[in-house]
PDB file of N, CA and C in Angstrom:
ATOM      1  N   MET A   1       6.713  17.872  19.216  1.00  0.00           N
ATOM      2  CA  MET A   1       5.424  17.283  19.531  1.00  0.00           C
ATOM      3  C   MET A   1       5.625  16.129  20.502  1.00  0.00           C
ATOM      4  N   THR A   2       4.686  15.974  21.359  1.00  0.00           N
ATOM      5  CA  THR A   2       4.766  14.926  22.362  1.00  0.00           C
ATOM      6  C   THR A   2       3.574  13.992  22.210  1.00  0.00           C
ATOM      7  N   THR A   3       3.813  12.716  22.412  1.00  0.00           N
ATOM      8  CA  THR A   3       2.747  11.718  22.390  1.00  0.00           C
ATOM      9  C   THR A   3       3.050  10.693  23.469  1.00  0.00           C
ATOM     10  N   LYS A   4       2.075   9.888  23.827  1.00  0.00           N
ATOM     11  CA  LYS A   4       2.270   8.878  24.866  1.00  0.00           C
ATOM     12  C   LYS A   4       2.152   7.482  24.279  1.00  0.00           C
ATOM     13  N   LEU A   5       2.854   6.553  24.883  1.00  0.00           N
ATOM     14  CA  LEU A   5       2.735   5.149  24.535  1.00  0.00           C
ATOM     15  C   LEU A   5       1.483   4.575  25.183  1.00  0.00           C
ATOM     16  N   THR A   6       0.779   3.704  24.444  1.00  0.00           N
ATOM     17  CA  THR A   6      -0.359   3.004  25.033  1.00  0.00           C
ATOM     18  C   THR A   6       0.166   1.807  25.814  1.00  0.00           C
ATOM     19  N   GLN A   7      -0.730   1.097  26.476  1.00  0.00           N
ATOM     20  CA  GLN A   7      -0.334  -0.101  27.216  1.00  0.00           C
ATOM     21  C   GLN A   7       0.296  -1.145  26.301  1.00  0.00           C
ATOM     22  N   LYS A   8      -0.135  -1.146  25.047  1.00  0.00           N
ATOM     23  CA  LYS A   8       0.401  -2.107  24.074  1.00  0.00           C
ATOM     24  C   LYS A   8       1.700  -1.619  23.428  1.00  0.00           C
ATOM     25  N   GLY A   9       2.183  -0.459  23.801  1.00  0.00           N
ATOM     26  CA  GLY A   9       3.412   0.072  23.229  1.00  0.00           C
ATOM     27  C   GLY A   9       3.193   0.833  21.934  1.00  0.00           C
ATOM     28  N   GLN A  10       1.954   1.186  21.643  1.00  0.00           N
ATOM     29  CA  GLN A  10       1.649   1.908  20.413  1.00  0.00           C
ATOM     30  C   GLN A  10       1.702   3.409  20.652  1.00  0.00           C
ATOM     31  N   ILE A  11       1.976   4.141  19.567  1.00  0.00           N
ATOM     32  CA  ILE A  11       1.938   5.602  19.640  1.00  0.00           C
ATOM     33  C   ILE A  11       1.039   6.127  18.533  1.00  0.00           C
ATOM     34  N   VAL A  12       0.563   7.345  18.713  1.00  0.00           N
ATOM     35  CA  VAL A  12      -0.220   8.009  17.681  1.00  0.00           C
ATOM     36  C   VAL A  12       0.663   9.089  17.078  1.00  0.00           C
ATOM     37  N   ILE A  13       0.788   9.051  15.750  1.00  0.00           N
ATOM     38  CA  ILE A  13       1.535  10.110  15.059  1.00  0.00           C
ATOM     39  C   ILE A  13       0.556  11.267  14.882  1.00  0.00           C
ATOM     40  N   PRO A  14       0.895  12.462  15.355  1.00  0.00           N
ATOM     41  CA  PRO A  14      -0.028  13.596  15.262  1.00  0.00           C
ATOM     42  C   PRO A  14      -0.475  13.860  13.821  1.00  0.00           C
ATOM     43  N   VAL A  15      -1.721  14.309  13.688  1.00  0.00           N
ATOM     44  CA  VAL A  15      -2.331  14.520  12.386  1.00  0.00           C
ATOM     45  C   VAL A  15      -1.499  15.446  11.493  1.00  0.00           C
ATOM     46  N   GLU A  16      -0.878  16.457  12.076  1.00  0.00           N
ATOM     47  CA  GLU A  16      -0.074  17.384  11.264  1.00  0.00           C
ATOM     48  C   GLU A  16       1.047  16.643  10.539  1.00  0.00           C
ATOM     49  N   LEU A  17       1.692  15.721  11.246  1.00  0.00           N
ATOM     50  CA  LEU A  17       2.778  14.960  10.625  1.00  0.00           C
ATOM     51  C   LEU A  17       2.245  13.933   9.638  1.00  0.00           C
ATOM     52  N   ARG A  18       1.090  13.303   9.958  1.00  0.00           N
ATOM     53  CA  ARG A  18       0.506  12.335   9.021  1.00  0.00           C
ATOM     54  C   ARG A  18       0.149  13.018   7.713  1.00  0.00           C
ATOM     55  N   ARG A  19      -0.395  14.226   7.806  1.00  0.00           N
ATOM     56  CA  ARG A  19      -0.737  14.969   6.583  1.00  0.00           C
ATOM     57  C   ARG A  19       0.524  15.389   5.827  1.00  0.00           C
ATOM     58  N   LYS A  20       1.486  15.911   6.553  1.00  0.00           N
ATOM     59  CA  LYS A  20       2.718  16.400   5.930  1.00  0.00           C
ATOM     60  C   LYS A  20       3.428  15.296   5.162  1.00  0.00           C
ATOM     61  N   TYR A  21       3.452  14.087   5.734  1.00  0.00           N
ATOM     62  CA  TYR A  21       4.184  12.975   5.121  1.00  0.00           C
ATOM     63  C   TYR A  21       3.263  11.973   4.424  1.00  0.00           C
ATOM     64  N   ASP A  22       1.986  12.353   4.250  1.00  0.00           N
ATOM     65  CA  ASP A  22       1.007  11.530   3.542  1.00  0.00           C
ATOM     66  C   ASP A  22       0.952  10.111   4.110  1.00  0.00           C
ATOM     67  N   LEU A  23       0.761  10.019   5.413  1.00  0.00           N
ATOM     68  CA  LEU A  23       0.692   8.733   6.095  1.00  0.00           C
ATOM     69  C   LEU A  23      -0.758   8.419   6.431  1.00  0.00           C
ATOM     70  N   GLY A  24      -1.367   7.566   5.623  1.00  0.00           N
ATOM     71  CA  GLY A  24      -2.736   7.147   5.880  1.00  0.00           C
ATOM     72  C   GLY A  24      -2.741   5.769   6.520  1.00  0.00           C
ATOM     73  N   ALA A  25      -3.938   5.240   6.709  1.00  0.00           N
ATOM     74  CA  ALA A  25      -4.079   3.899   7.281  1.00  0.00           C
ATOM     75  C   ALA A  25      -3.310   2.905   6.425  1.00  0.00           C
ATOM     76  N   GLY A  26      -2.532   2.069   7.046  1.00  0.00           N
ATOM     77  CA  GLY A  26      -1.760   1.057   6.335  1.00  0.00           C
ATOM     78  C   GLY A  26      -0.402   1.529   5.847  1.00  0.00           C
ATOM     79  N   ALA A  27      -0.112   2.814   6.022  1.00  0.00           N
ATOM     80  CA  ALA A  27       1.200   3.322   5.600  1.00  0.00           C
ATOM     81  C   ALA A  27       2.287   2.619   6.405  1.00  0.00           C
ATOM     82  N   GLU A  28       3.414   2.397   5.761  1.00  0.00           N
ATOM     83  CA  GLU A  28       4.522   1.737   6.434  1.00  0.00           C
ATOM     84  C   GLU A  28       5.588   2.755   6.820  1.00  0.00           C
ATOM     85  N   VAL A  29       6.131   2.560   8.009  1.00  0.00           N
ATOM     86  CA  VAL A  29       7.235   3.390   8.480  1.00  0.00           C
ATOM     87  C   VAL A  29       8.313   2.472   9.023  1.00  0.00           C
ATOM     88  N   GLU A  30       9.520   2.967   9.042  1.00  0.00           N
ATOM     89  CA  GLU A  30      10.635   2.214   9.612  1.00  0.00           C
ATOM     90  C   GLU A  30      11.060   2.916  10.889  1.00  0.00           C
ATOM     91  N   LEU A  31      11.354   2.127  11.903  1.00  0.00           N
ATOM     92  CA  LEU A  31      11.878   2.685  13.147  1.00  0.00           C
ATOM     93  C   LEU A  31      13.376   2.436  13.175  1.00  0.00           C
ATOM     94  N   ALA A  32      14.133   3.477  13.494  1.00  0.00           N
ATOM     95  CA  ALA A  32      15.587   3.340  13.534  1.00  0.00           C
ATOM     96  C   ALA A  32      16.108   3.920  14.839  1.00  0.00           C
ATOM     97  N   ASP A  33      17.145   3.280  15.360  1.00  0.00           N
ATOM     98  CA  ASP A  33      17.830   3.767  16.557  1.00  0.00           C
ATOM     99  C   ASP A  33      19.076   4.489  16.055  1.00  0.00           C
ATOM    100  N   ILE A  34      19.024   5.809  16.065  1.00  0.00           N
ATOM    101  CA  ILE A  34      20.129   6.605  15.550  1.00  0.00           C
ATOM    102  C   ILE A  34      20.681   7.468  16.677  1.00  0.00           C
ATOM    103  N   GLY A  35      21.870   7.128  17.122  1.00  0.00           N
ATOM    104  CA  GLY A  35      22.523   7.905  18.166  1.00  0.00           C
ATOM    105  C   GLY A  35      21.718   8.000  19.445  1.00  0.00           C
ATOM    106  N   GLY A  36      21.045   6.916  19.824  1.00  0.00           N
ATOM    107  CA  GLY A  36      20.268   6.912  21.050  1.00  0.00           C
ATOM    108  C   GLY A  36      18.892   7.540  20.926  1.00  0.00           C
ATOM    109  N   GLU A  37      18.477   7.872  19.707  1.00  0.00           N
ATOM    110  CA  GLU A  37      17.146   8.422  19.470  1.00  0.00           C
ATOM    111  C   GLU A  37      16.361   7.477  18.570  1.00  0.00           C
ATOM    112  N   ILE A  38      15.072   7.360  18.833  1.00  0.00           N
ATOM    113  CA  ILE A  38      14.205   6.561  17.966  1.00  0.00           C
ATOM    114  C   ILE A  38      13.685   7.486  16.877  1.00  0.00           C
ATOM    115  N   VAL A  39      13.936   7.104  15.630  1.00  0.00           N
ATOM    116  CA  VAL A  39      13.542   7.923  14.485  1.00  0.00           C
ATOM    117  C   VAL A  39      12.516   7.144  13.669  1.00  0.00           C
ATOM    118  N   ILE A  40      11.430   7.809  13.280  1.00  0.00           N
ATOM    119  CA  ILE A  40      10.398   7.198  12.434  1.00  0.00           C
ATOM    120  C   ILE A  40      10.621   7.687  11.008  1.00  0.00           C
ATOM    121  N   ILE A  41      10.817   6.734  10.090  1.00  0.00           N
ATOM    122  CA  ILE A  41      11.111   7.075   8.701  1.00  0.00           C
ATOM    123  C   ILE A  41       9.989   6.542   7.816  1.00  0.00           C
ATOM    124  N   PRO A  42       9.245   7.434   7.131  1.00  0.00           N
ATOM    125  CA  PRO A  42       8.194   6.970   6.225  1.00  0.00           C
ATOM    126  C   PRO A  42       8.809   6.174   5.075  1.00  0.00           C
ATOM    127  N   ILE A  43       8.166   5.067   4.722  1.00  0.00           N
ATOM    128  CA  ILE A  43       8.623   4.276   3.582  1.00  0.00           C
ATOM    129  C   ILE A  43       7.848   4.761   2.368  1.00  0.00           C
ATOM    130  N   VAL A  44       8.569   5.274   1.403  1.00  0.00           N
ATOM    131  CA  VAL A  44       7.964   5.833   0.203  1.00  0.00           C
ATOM    132  C   VAL A  44       8.333   4.956  -0.992  1.00  0.00           C
ATOM    133  N   ILE A  45       7.328   4.604  -1.778  1.00  0.00           N
ATOM    134  CA  ILE A  45       7.593   3.833  -2.998  1.00  0.00           C
ATOM    135  C   ILE A  45       8.133   4.806  -4.038  1.00  0.00           C
ATOM    136  N   LYS A  46       9.334   4.548  -4.507  1.00  0.00           N
ATOM    137  CA  LYS A  46       9.973   5.444  -5.462  1.00  0.00           C
ATOM    138  C   LYS A  46       9.314   5.364  -6.838  1.00  0.00           C
ATOM    139  N   ASN A  47       9.152   4.155  -7.356  1.00  0.00           N
ATOM    140  CA  ASN A  47       8.567   3.956  -8.674  1.00  0.00           C
ATOM    141  C   ASN A  47       7.581   2.798  -8.565  1.00  0.00           C
ATOM    142  N   PRO A  48       6.280   3.085  -8.636  1.00  0.00           N
ATOM    143  CA  PRO A  48       5.288   2.035  -8.445  1.00  0.00           C
ATOM    144  C   PRO A  48       5.447   0.861  -9.414  1.00  0.00           C
ATOM    145  N   ILE A  49       5.885   1.130 -10.633  1.00  0.00           N
ATOM    146  CA  ILE A  49       6.069   0.047 -11.609  1.00  0.00           C
ATOM    147  C   ILE A  49       7.186  -0.880 -11.149  1.00  0.00           C
ATOM    148  N   ASP A  50       8.307  -0.302 -10.738  1.00  0.00           N
ATOM    149  CA  ASP A  50       9.423  -1.124 -10.256  1.00  0.00           C
ATOM    150  C   ASP A  50       9.029  -1.910  -9.013  1.00  0.00           C
ATOM    151  N   GLU A  51       8.257  -1.295  -8.129  1.00  0.00           N
ATOM    152  CA  GLU A  51       7.847  -1.959  -6.899  1.00  0.00           C
ATOM    153  C   GLU A  51       6.877  -3.101  -7.170  1.00  0.00           C
ATOM    154  N   ALA A  52       6.097  -2.995  -8.247  1.00  0.00           N
ATOM    155  CA  ALA A  52       5.086  -4.008  -8.546  1.00  0.00           C
ATOM    156  C   ALA A  52       5.642  -5.200  -9.322  1.00  0.00           C
ATOM    157  N   VAL A  53       6.829  -5.079  -9.869  1.00  0.00           N
ATOM    158  CA  VAL A  53       7.392  -6.162 -10.673  1.00  0.00           C
ATOM    159  C   VAL A  53       7.462  -7.441  -9.849  1.00  0.00           C
ATOM    160  N   GLY A  54       6.872  -8.497 -10.392  1.00  0.00           N
ATOM    161  CA  GLY A  54       6.953  -9.804  -9.761  1.00  0.00           C
ATOM    162  C   GLY A  54       5.862 -10.113  -8.759  1.00  0.00           C
ATOM    163  N   ILE A  55       4.937  -9.164  -8.483  1.00  0.00           N
ATOM    164  CA  ILE A  55       3.917  -9.471  -7.483  1.00  0.00           C
ATOM    165  C   ILE A  55       2.797 -10.329  -8.058  1.00  0.00           C
ATOM    166  N   ILE A  56       2.599 -10.251  -9.366  1.00  0.00           N
ATOM    167  CA  ILE A  56       1.576 -11.082  -9.989  1.00  0.00           C
ATOM    168  C   ILE A  56       2.283 -12.211 -10.719  1.00  0.00           C
ATOM    169  N   LYS A  57       2.055 -13.409 -10.216  1.00  0.00           N
ATOM    170  CA  LYS A  57       2.673 -14.563 -10.849  1.00  0.00           C
ATOM    171  C   LYS A  57       1.572 -15.505 -11.285  1.00  0.00           C
ATOM    172  N   GLY A  58       1.696 -16.013 -12.451  1.00  0.00           N
ATOM    173  CA  GLY A  58       0.694 -16.933 -12.958  1.00  0.00           C
ATOM    174  C   GLY A  58       1.093 -17.433 -14.326  1.00  0.00           C
ATOM    175  N   SER A  59       0.350 -18.386 -14.793  1.00  0.00           N
ATOM    176  CA  SER A  59       0.705 -18.992 -16.065  1.00  0.00           C
ATOM    177  C   SER A  59      -0.079 -18.402 -17.228  1.00  0.00           C
ATOM    178  N   LYS A  60      -1.032 -17.501 -16.957  1.00  0.00           N
ATOM    179  CA  LYS A  60      -1.839 -16.934 -18.034  1.00  0.00           C
ATOM    180  C   LYS A  60      -1.143 -15.734 -18.653  1.00  0.00           C
ATOM    181  N   SER A  61      -1.279 -15.638 -19.964  1.00  0.00           N
ATOM    182  CA  SER A  61      -0.729 -14.481 -20.663  1.00  0.00           C
ATOM    183  C   SER A  61      -1.719 -13.328 -20.583  1.00  0.00           C
ATOM    184  N   THR A  62      -1.249 -12.148 -20.910  1.00  0.00           N
ATOM    185  CA  THR A  62      -2.131 -10.981 -20.939  1.00  0.00           C
ATOM    186  C   THR A  62      -3.261 -11.209 -21.928  1.00  0.00           C
ATOM    187  N   ARG A  63      -2.952 -11.820 -23.048  1.00  0.00           N
ATOM    188  CA  ARG A  63      -3.974 -12.107 -24.075  1.00  0.00           C
ATOM    189  C   ARG A  63      -5.077 -12.995 -23.491  1.00  0.00           C
ATOM    190  N   ASP A  64      -4.694 -14.041 -22.744  1.00  0.00           N
ATOM    191  CA  ASP A  64      -5.678 -14.944 -22.134  1.00  0.00           C
ATOM    192  C   ASP A  64      -6.537 -14.211 -21.106  1.00  0.00           C
ATOM    193  N   ILE A  65      -5.903 -13.360 -20.327  1.00  0.00           N
ATOM    194  CA  ILE A  65      -6.639 -12.602 -19.312  1.00  0.00           C
ATOM    195  C   ILE A  65      -7.635 -11.655 -19.976  1.00  0.00           C
ATOM    196  N   MET A  66      -7.201 -10.959 -21.027  1.00  0.00           N
ATOM    197  CA  MET A  66      -8.087 -10.030 -21.735  1.00  0.00           C
ATOM    198  C   MET A  66      -9.253 -10.773 -22.385  1.00  0.00           C
ATOM    199  N   LYS A  67      -9.005 -11.956 -22.932  1.00  0.00           N
ATOM    200  CA  LYS A  67     -10.076 -12.755 -23.541  1.00  0.00           C
ATOM    201  C   LYS A  67     -11.098 -13.147 -22.475  1.00  0.00           C
ATOM    202  N   ALA A  68     -10.624 -13.550 -21.308  1.00  0.00           N
ATOM    203  CA  ALA A  68     -11.528 -13.926 -20.221  1.00  0.00           C
ATOM    204  C   ALA A  68     -12.376 -12.731 -19.789  1.00  0.00           C
ATOM    205  N   ILE A  69     -11.779 -11.556 -19.739  1.00  0.00           N
ATOM    206  CA  ILE A  69     -12.523 -10.344 -19.373  1.00  0.00           C
ATOM    207  C   ILE A  69     -13.582 -10.041 -20.423  1.00  0.00           C
ATOM    208  N   ARG A  70     -13.208 -10.114 -21.692  1.00  0.00           N
ATOM    209  CA  ARG A  70     -14.178  -9.845 -22.765  1.00  0.00           C
ATOM    210  C   ARG A  70     -15.326 -10.858 -22.740  1.00  0.00           C
ATOM    211  N   ASP A  71     -14.986 -12.120 -22.511  1.00  0.00           N
ATOM    212  CA  ASP A  71     -16.023 -13.159 -22.427  1.00  0.00           C
ATOM    213  C   ASP A  71     -16.987 -12.867 -21.280  1.00  0.00           C
ATOM    214  N   GLU A  72     -16.448 -12.472 -20.141  1.00  0.00           N
ATOM    215  CA  GLU A  72     -17.281 -12.148 -18.982  1.00  0.00           C
ATOM    216  C   GLU A  72     -18.159 -10.934 -19.274  1.00  0.00           C
ATOM    217  N   GLU A  73     -17.604  -9.930 -19.929  1.00  0.00           N
ATOM    218  CA  GLU A  73     -18.392  -8.751 -20.296  1.00  0.00           C
ATOM    219  C   GLU A  73     -19.522  -9.132 -21.240  1.00  0.00           C
ATOM    220  N   ALA A  74     -19.239 -10.014 -22.211  1.00  0.00           N
ATOM    221  CA  ALA A  74     -20.261 -10.458 -23.161  1.00  0.00           C
ATOM    222  C   ALA A  74     -21.378 -11.200 -22.430  1.00  0.00           C
ATOM    223  N   ARG A  75     -21.035 -12.065 -21.467  1.00  0.00           N
ATOM    224  CA  ARG A  75     -22.051 -12.787 -20.689  1.00  0.00           C
ATOM    225  C   ARG A  75     -22.902 -11.801 -19.886  1.00  0.00           C
ATOM    226  N   PHE A  76     -22.268 -10.802 -19.315  1.00  0.00           N
ATOM    227  CA  PHE A  76     -22.975  -9.797 -18.530  1.00  0.00           C
ATOM    228  C   PHE A  76     -23.955  -9.014 -19.409  1.00  0.00           C
ATOM    229  N   GLU A  77     -23.489  -8.581 -20.576  1.00  0.00           N
ATOM    230  CA  GLU A  77     -24.340  -7.821 -21.490  1.00  0.00           C
ATOM    231  C   GLU A  77     -25.523  -8.672 -21.986  1.00  0.00           C
ATOM    232  N   LYS A  78     -25.280  -9.945 -22.214  1.00  0.00           N
ATOM    233  CA  LYS A  78     -26.331 -10.856 -22.670  1.00  0.00           C
ATOM    234  C   LYS A  78     -27.413 -11.002 -21.607  1.00  0.00           C
ATOM    235  N   LYS A  79     -26.989 -11.065 -20.319  1.00  0.00           N
ATOM    236  CA  LYS A  79     -27.941 -11.187 -19.215  1.00  0.00           C
ATOM    237  C   LYS A  79     -28.771  -9.915 -19.066  1.00  0.00           C
ATOM    238  N   LYS A  80     -28.176  -8.754 -19.377  1.00  0.00           N
ATOM    239  CA  LYS A  80     -28.869  -7.479 -19.245  1.00  0.00           C
ATOM    240  C   LYS A  80     -30.063  -7.379 -20.199  1.00  0.00           C
ATOM    241  N   ARG A  81     -29.947  -8.031 -21.345  1.00  0.00           N
ATOM    242  CA  ARG A  81     -31.003  -7.916 -22.386  1.00  0.00           C
ATOM    243  C   ARG A  81     -32.179  -8.711 -22.045  1.00  0.00           C
TER     244      ARG A  81
END
């Protein structure tokens, strides 16, 4: 497949390849120079749980968060009546 570079140096990955490799908007790819060729490598999350570890940092416990959610739900239900 052939594609052209834009003035900004961007390329369009053909739809067939985007579908084949499940590359939607915001998908990340790595560019590698391998033996004088530019290779595009899709970045795939192996285990979403492992990848998510450490992204949420805060001082509240799960119990505190759940209580806040229940309190908010109770306020919402009270307003509905």
